[in-house]
Amino acid sequence: MKIWLDGGLQDIESARVSVLDHGLTVGDGIFETVKAVHGRPFALTRHLDRLTRSARGLGLPDPDLDEVRRACAAVLEANPMPLGRLRLTYTGGHGPLGSDRGDRGPTLVVALGGTTRRPDSTAVVTAPWTRNERGALTGLKTTSYAENVLALARARERGASEALFGNTVGQLCEGTGSNVFVVLDGELHTPPLASGCLAGITRALVVEWTGAEETDLPLDVLERAEEVFLTSTLRDVQAVHRVDGRELPGTPGPVTAKAMRIFDERSGADLDP
């Protein structure tokens, strides 16, 4: 397995990042996960745009997107596989043992791992913790993921693959690594970015391609929604058949099934929409 580090390809067994890298010591970094199908990345331009937005939001230098594209191409060519998870990680680089940054510049790592297509439906639970829609990191895809690790572990313990958060004012927000859509009276809705959710790439495409409404939704909408589905880079559109103890019969419902079909067709026709 080859990864990109320090400007070139390296064997994963021998590649090394400093133990003083700010991404390790204080979580000072950002990342993107890109789906790769037979060596071709999906929606790479959108992912790189968000990488830049996250870097600016965190006060990091803009990533060199030409280098990132070269790195992605090199890693994909060196590691052929039918379906992959391409991970771009960009950190504050070597720094002191504290929150101040060093002056050596950022670290860029591009790696690839194999994956398989997700099941058509899944179970979710609601998290007992909240997202802070007014936090300094809100809307940024940072490597500070410990909260998500904890919530996802809780979901796994309960036989689910995702945990959904409300925000500090009791509105539905997002999952640990996904966005959420609900169907009410036959209409498709998803929380707005003002709820504190990440501007998911798949979320944006589903909104564009289906006409879903961005709507402030109370967290308890999950108790009465006719249909629920998740979106993310590796889930695409995934139906939800259980929320906590509530079963949603007939999953996927008609609105979800239509969204799944539209996404499959549109994403298959254009790899960089």
Foldseek 3Di string as FASTA:
>chain_A
DWKDWPQGIDDPVPDDADCQFCCNQPQAKFKDKFKAAQLRTFQVVVRLVQRQVLCVLSVAPRDPVVSVVVRSNVQSVVDGDGIKIKMWMKGLGRQDNDDDGDDPHIIIMIHIDDDDADDQEWAEEEDPDAAELPDSNQQHRTSPLPVQVVQQVVGVVVRTRWYWHFHPVQWTEQISAWFKWFADPNAIEGADSSRRHHPAPLVVVLCVQPVHYHDTGGPCVVVPTQWMWIDHNRNNTHTYQYYRHDGRPPPPDPSSVVSVVRSVVVCVVDRND
